[in-house]
Amino acid sequence: MEECGASIGTVIAELTVTFIQIYFVRNDFNFKEVIKSGKNYLFASIIMFIGCLLIGKFLDTSLISLFVIVVLGVALYGISLIILKDDFIFEVLNKVKNKIKQN
C-alpha cells in the first residue's frame, strides 16, 4: 500500500512542478500551438501503449519478453509517426541516411 502513496505523491509533485513551469513561461509560448503540434506524438504513444499492452498479455515475465516489448514499442511508435507524416521523424531519418552515405 505504501507504493500507491508514493506513486500518488510523485504524480502530485510532478504536476505541481509542471504547473509552476507553465505559469512562468506562459508569455513565452503559445500553448495551443504546442498542444496542436503534439497530437501526432500523443496518437503514436497511444498506439504504442495498446500494442505493448496486448503483446505483454501473451508473454511471460522475463528479460527477453521485456526486450521484445521495448523493440515492438519503438517500432510501433516510429511507424505511427511515419504514417502520420511527422516532419521531425522524416528529418531524423534523412540525417541518419546522410550519415550512412558519408561512411
N, C-alpha and C. Protein backbone atom coordinates (compact mmCIF):
# COMPACT_ATOMS: atom_id res chain seq x y z
N MET A 1 0.81 -1.20 0.00
CA MET A 1 0.00 0.00 0.00
C MET A 1 0.86 1.27 0.00
N GLU A 2 2.09 1.15 0.56
CA GLU A 2 2.97 2.32 0.55
C GLU A 2 3.32 2.73 -0.87
N GLU A 3 3.36 1.71 -1.77
CA GLU A 3 3.70 2.02 -3.17
C GLU A 3 2.68 2.96 -3.78
N CYS A 4 1.41 2.74 -3.47
CA CYS A 4 0.35 3.61 -4.01
C CYS A 4 0.53 5.03 -3.51
N GLY A 5 0.81 5.17 -2.21
CA GLY A 5 1.02 6.51 -1.65
C GLY A 5 2.23 7.20 -2.26
N ALA A 6 3.29 6.44 -2.46
CA ALA A 6 4.50 7.01 -3.07
C ALA A 6 4.24 7.43 -4.50
N SER A 7 3.52 6.61 -5.24
CA SER A 7 3.25 6.97 -6.64
C SER A 7 2.31 8.16 -6.73
N ILE A 8 1.32 8.24 -5.86
CA ILE A 8 0.41 9.38 -5.86
C ILE A 8 1.18 10.65 -5.48
N GLY A 9 2.03 10.55 -4.47
CA GLY A 9 2.84 11.70 -4.08
C GLY A 9 3.76 12.17 -5.19
N THR A 10 4.35 11.22 -5.91
CA THR A 10 5.24 11.57 -7.02
C THR A 10 4.46 12.27 -8.14
N VAL A 11 3.29 11.74 -8.47
CA VAL A 11 2.47 12.36 -9.53
C VAL A 11 2.06 13.77 -9.12
N ILE A 12 1.64 13.95 -7.88
CA ILE A 12 1.25 15.29 -7.41
C ILE A 12 2.44 16.24 -7.46
N ALA A 13 3.60 15.78 -7.03
CA ALA A 13 4.80 16.63 -7.07
C ALA A 13 5.16 17.01 -8.50
N GLU A 14 5.12 16.07 -9.41
CA GLU A 14 5.46 16.35 -10.81
C GLU A 14 4.44 17.29 -11.45
N LEU A 15 3.16 17.11 -11.14
CA LEU A 15 2.14 18.02 -11.66
C LEU A 15 2.34 19.43 -11.12
N THR A 16 2.69 19.54 -9.85
CA THR A 16 2.94 20.85 -9.24
C THR A 16 4.09 21.54 -9.95
N VAL A 17 5.19 20.83 -10.17
CA VAL A 17 6.34 21.40 -10.88
C VAL A 17 5.95 21.81 -12.29
N THR A 18 5.20 20.96 -12.97
CA THR A 18 4.77 21.27 -14.34
C THR A 18 3.93 22.54 -14.39
N PHE A 19 2.96 22.67 -13.48
CA PHE A 19 2.10 23.85 -13.49
C PHE A 19 2.87 25.11 -13.11
N ILE A 20 3.84 25.01 -12.21
CA ILE A 20 4.67 26.16 -11.87
C ILE A 20 5.49 26.59 -13.09
N GLN A 21 6.05 25.62 -13.80
CA GLN A 21 6.83 25.95 -15.00
C GLN A 21 5.95 26.57 -16.08
N ILE A 22 4.76 26.03 -16.26
CA ILE A 22 3.83 26.60 -17.24
C ILE A 22 3.48 28.03 -16.87
N TYR A 23 3.27 28.29 -15.59
CA TYR A 23 2.94 29.64 -15.13
C TYR A 23 4.05 30.62 -15.50
N PHE A 24 5.30 30.25 -15.28
CA PHE A 24 6.40 31.17 -15.51
C PHE A 24 6.76 31.35 -16.99
N VAL A 25 6.40 30.42 -17.84
CA VAL A 25 6.71 30.57 -19.27
C VAL A 25 5.46 30.85 -20.11
N ARG A 26 4.37 31.15 -19.46
CA ARG A 26 3.10 31.32 -20.16
C ARG A 26 3.14 32.41 -21.22
N ASN A 27 3.97 33.43 -21.04
CA ASN A 27 4.05 34.51 -22.01
C ASN A 27 5.06 34.24 -23.12
N ASP A 28 5.86 33.20 -22.95
CA ASP A 28 6.90 32.89 -23.94
C ASP A 28 6.47 31.85 -24.97
N PHE A 29 5.40 31.12 -24.69
CA PHE A 29 4.96 30.05 -25.58
C PHE A 29 3.48 30.20 -25.91
N ASN A 30 3.14 29.78 -27.11
CA ASN A 30 1.74 29.67 -27.50
C ASN A 30 1.34 28.22 -27.23
N PHE A 31 0.70 27.98 -26.10
CA PHE A 31 0.41 26.61 -25.68
C PHE A 31 -0.57 25.90 -26.61
N LYS A 32 -1.43 26.63 -27.29
CA LYS A 32 -2.33 25.99 -28.26
C LYS A 32 -1.52 25.38 -29.40
N GLU A 33 -0.47 26.09 -29.84
CA GLU A 33 0.39 25.56 -30.89
C GLU A 33 1.18 24.36 -30.41
N VAL A 34 1.66 24.42 -29.17
CA VAL A 34 2.42 23.30 -28.62
C VAL A 34 1.54 22.05 -28.54
N ILE A 35 0.32 22.21 -28.05
CA ILE A 35 -0.60 21.07 -27.95
C ILE A 35 -0.98 20.57 -29.34
N LYS A 36 -1.20 21.50 -30.27
CA LYS A 36 -1.55 21.11 -31.64
C LYS A 36 -0.41 20.33 -32.30
N SER A 37 0.82 20.76 -32.09
CA SER A 37 1.96 20.07 -32.70
C SER A 37 2.22 18.72 -32.02
N GLY A 38 1.72 18.52 -30.82
CA GLY A 38 1.95 17.27 -30.11
C GLY A 38 0.92 16.19 -30.38
N LYS A 39 -0.07 16.47 -31.21
CA LYS A 39 -1.13 15.48 -31.45
C LYS A 39 -0.61 14.22 -32.11
N ASN A 40 0.36 14.34 -33.01
CA ASN A 40 0.93 13.15 -33.65
C ASN A 40 1.63 12.27 -32.62
N TYR A 41 2.34 12.90 -31.69
CA TYR A 41 3.08 12.14 -30.68
C TYR A 41 2.14 11.48 -29.68
N LEU A 42 1.05 12.17 -29.37
CA LEU A 42 0.05 11.58 -28.48
C LEU A 42 -0.59 10.36 -29.13
N PHE A 43 -0.97 10.50 -30.39
CA PHE A 43 -1.59 9.38 -31.11
C PHE A 43 -0.63 8.21 -31.24
N ALA A 44 0.63 8.49 -31.59
CA ALA A 44 1.63 7.42 -31.71
C ALA A 44 1.88 6.76 -30.36
N SER A 45 1.86 7.53 -29.30
CA SER A 45 2.05 6.97 -27.96
C SER A 45 0.91 6.05 -27.57
N ILE A 46 -0.31 6.43 -27.92
CA ILE A 46 -1.47 5.58 -27.62
C ILE A 46 -1.38 4.27 -28.38
N ILE A 47 -1.02 4.34 -29.66
CA ILE A 47 -0.85 3.12 -30.46
C ILE A 47 0.23 2.23 -29.85
N MET A 48 1.36 2.83 -29.46
CA MET A 48 2.45 2.08 -28.85
C MET A 48 1.99 1.43 -27.55
N PHE A 49 1.29 2.17 -26.71
CA PHE A 49 0.82 1.66 -25.43
C PHE A 49 -0.11 0.46 -25.63
N ILE A 50 -1.06 0.59 -26.54
CA ILE A 50 -2.01 -0.50 -26.78
C ILE A 50 -1.27 -1.73 -27.31
N GLY A 51 -0.35 -1.53 -28.25
CA GLY A 51 0.41 -2.65 -28.81
C GLY A 51 1.24 -3.35 -27.75
N CYS A 52 1.93 -2.57 -26.92
CA CYS A 52 2.76 -3.17 -25.86
C CYS A 52 1.91 -3.88 -24.82
N LEU A 53 0.78 -3.30 -24.50
CA LEU A 53 -0.12 -3.91 -23.53
C LEU A 53 -0.64 -5.25 -24.05
N LEU A 54 -1.05 -5.28 -25.31
CA LEU A 54 -1.59 -6.52 -25.89
C LEU A 54 -0.53 -7.61 -25.98
N ILE A 55 0.66 -7.26 -26.46
CA ILE A 55 1.71 -8.28 -26.60
C ILE A 55 2.19 -8.73 -25.22
N GLY A 56 2.17 -7.83 -24.24
CA GLY A 56 2.58 -8.17 -22.89
C GLY A 56 1.68 -9.20 -22.24
N LYS A 57 0.42 -9.23 -22.65
CA LYS A 57 -0.52 -10.21 -22.09
C LYS A 57 -0.19 -11.64 -22.53
N PHE A 58 0.49 -11.77 -23.66
CA PHE A 58 0.80 -13.10 -24.20
C PHE A 58 2.20 -13.59 -23.83
N LEU A 59 3.02 -12.72 -23.26
CA LEU A 59 4.38 -13.10 -22.93
C LEU A 59 4.53 -13.27 -21.42
N ASP A 60 5.45 -14.12 -21.05
CA ASP A 60 5.73 -14.29 -19.62
C ASP A 60 6.61 -13.15 -19.13
N THR A 61 6.85 -13.10 -17.84
CA THR A 61 7.68 -12.07 -17.27
C THR A 61 9.14 -12.51 -17.30
N SER A 62 9.89 -11.95 -18.25
CA SER A 62 11.31 -12.27 -18.36
C SER A 62 12.02 -11.12 -19.04
N LEU A 63 13.32 -11.16 -19.00
CA LEU A 63 14.12 -10.13 -19.62
C LEU A 63 13.95 -10.13 -21.14
N ILE A 64 13.81 -11.30 -21.71
CA ILE A 64 13.61 -11.41 -23.17
C ILE A 64 12.26 -10.82 -23.55
N SER A 65 11.23 -11.08 -22.75
CA SER A 65 9.91 -10.52 -23.02
C SER A 65 9.95 -9.00 -22.95
N LEU A 66 10.66 -8.47 -21.96
CA LEU A 66 10.81 -7.03 -21.84
C LEU A 66 11.49 -6.45 -23.07
N PHE A 67 12.53 -7.11 -23.53
CA PHE A 67 13.24 -6.66 -24.73
C PHE A 67 12.31 -6.65 -25.94
N VAL A 68 11.52 -7.72 -26.10
CA VAL A 68 10.57 -7.81 -27.23
C VAL A 68 9.56 -6.68 -27.16
N ILE A 69 9.05 -6.41 -25.97
CA ILE A 69 8.04 -5.35 -25.82
C ILE A 69 8.65 -3.98 -26.13
N VAL A 70 9.88 -3.74 -25.67
CA VAL A 70 10.53 -2.45 -25.94
C VAL A 70 10.76 -2.28 -27.44
N VAL A 71 11.27 -3.31 -28.09
CA VAL A 71 11.51 -3.23 -29.55
C VAL A 71 10.20 -3.01 -30.29
N LEU A 72 9.16 -3.74 -29.90
CA LEU A 72 7.84 -3.56 -30.52
C LEU A 72 7.34 -2.13 -30.30
N GLY A 73 7.50 -1.61 -29.08
CA GLY A 73 7.04 -0.26 -28.79
C GLY A 73 7.74 0.78 -29.63
N VAL A 74 9.06 0.66 -29.76
CA VAL A 74 9.83 1.60 -30.59
C VAL A 74 9.37 1.51 -32.05
N ALA A 75 9.20 0.30 -32.53
CA ALA A 75 8.77 0.11 -33.93
C ALA A 75 7.37 0.69 -34.16
N LEU A 76 6.44 0.41 -33.26
CA LEU A 76 5.09 0.94 -33.41
C LEU A 76 5.07 2.47 -33.38
N TYR A 77 5.84 3.04 -32.47
CA TYR A 77 5.91 4.50 -32.35
C TYR A 77 6.47 5.11 -33.64
N GLY A 78 7.59 4.57 -34.11
CA GLY A 78 8.21 5.10 -35.33
C GLY A 78 7.32 4.93 -36.55
N ILE A 79 6.73 3.76 -36.71
CA ILE A 79 5.85 3.51 -37.86
C ILE A 79 4.64 4.43 -37.81
N SER A 80 4.10 4.63 -36.61
CA SER A 80 2.94 5.53 -36.48
C SER A 80 3.30 6.94 -36.91
N LEU A 81 4.48 7.42 -36.51
CA LEU A 81 4.90 8.77 -36.91
C LEU A 81 5.16 8.86 -38.41
N ILE A 82 5.67 7.78 -38.99
CA ILE A 82 5.88 7.78 -40.45
C ILE A 82 4.53 7.82 -41.17
N ILE A 83 3.59 7.02 -40.70
CA ILE A 83 2.25 7.01 -41.32
C ILE A 83 1.59 8.39 -41.20
N LEU A 84 1.81 9.06 -40.04
CA LEU A 84 1.23 10.39 -39.83
C LEU A 84 2.01 11.48 -40.55
N LYS A 85 3.11 11.10 -41.23
CA LYS A 85 3.96 12.02 -41.98
C LYS A 85 4.48 13.16 -41.09
N ASP A 86 4.98 12.78 -39.91
CA ASP A 86 5.51 13.76 -38.98
C ASP A 86 6.82 14.33 -39.51
N ASP A 87 6.93 15.65 -39.51
CA ASP A 87 8.12 16.32 -40.05
C ASP A 87 9.39 15.93 -39.32
N PHE A 88 9.32 15.85 -38.00
CA PHE A 88 10.52 15.58 -37.21
C PHE A 88 11.09 14.20 -37.51
N ILE A 89 10.24 13.19 -37.63
CA ILE A 89 10.73 11.83 -37.88
C ILE A 89 11.40 11.75 -39.25
N PHE A 90 10.87 12.47 -40.24
CA PHE A 90 11.50 12.47 -41.56
C PHE A 90 12.83 13.23 -41.54
N GLU A 91 12.91 14.27 -40.72
CA GLU A 91 14.18 14.99 -40.57
C GLU A 91 15.24 14.07 -39.95
N VAL A 92 14.86 13.32 -38.93
CA VAL A 92 15.79 12.39 -38.29
C VAL A 92 16.20 11.29 -39.28
N LEU A 93 15.24 10.74 -40.00
CA LEU A 93 15.55 9.69 -40.97
C LEU A 93 16.49 10.19 -42.06
N ASN A 94 16.30 11.42 -42.51
CA ASN A 94 17.19 12.00 -43.52
C ASN A 94 18.61 12.19 -42.97
N LYS A 95 18.73 12.62 -41.72
CA LYS A 95 20.06 12.77 -41.12
C LYS A 95 20.76 11.42 -40.99
N VAL A 96 20.01 10.40 -40.60
CA VAL A 96 20.59 9.05 -40.49
C VAL A 96 21.03 8.58 -41.87
N LYS A 97 20.18 8.79 -42.86
CA LYS A 97 20.50 8.37 -44.23
C LYS A 97 21.75 9.10 -44.75
N ASN A 98 21.87 10.39 -44.45
CA ASN A 98 23.05 11.16 -44.88
C ASN A 98 24.31 10.67 -44.15
N LYS A 99 24.21 10.32 -42.89
CA LYS A 99 25.37 9.79 -42.15
C LYS A 99 25.82 8.47 -42.74
N ILE A 100 24.85 7.63 -43.09
CA ILE A 100 25.19 6.32 -43.69
C ILE A 100 25.87 6.52 -45.03
N LYS A 101 25.41 7.48 -45.84
CA LYS A 101 26.01 7.74 -47.14
C LYS A 101 27.44 8.26 -47.01
N GLN A 102 27.71 9.03 -45.93
CA GLN A 102 29.05 9.59 -45.73
C GLN A 102 30.06 8.50 -45.40
N ASN A 103 29.61 7.44 -44.77
CA ASN A 103 30.53 6.36 -44.38
C ASN A 103 30.65 5.43 -45.50
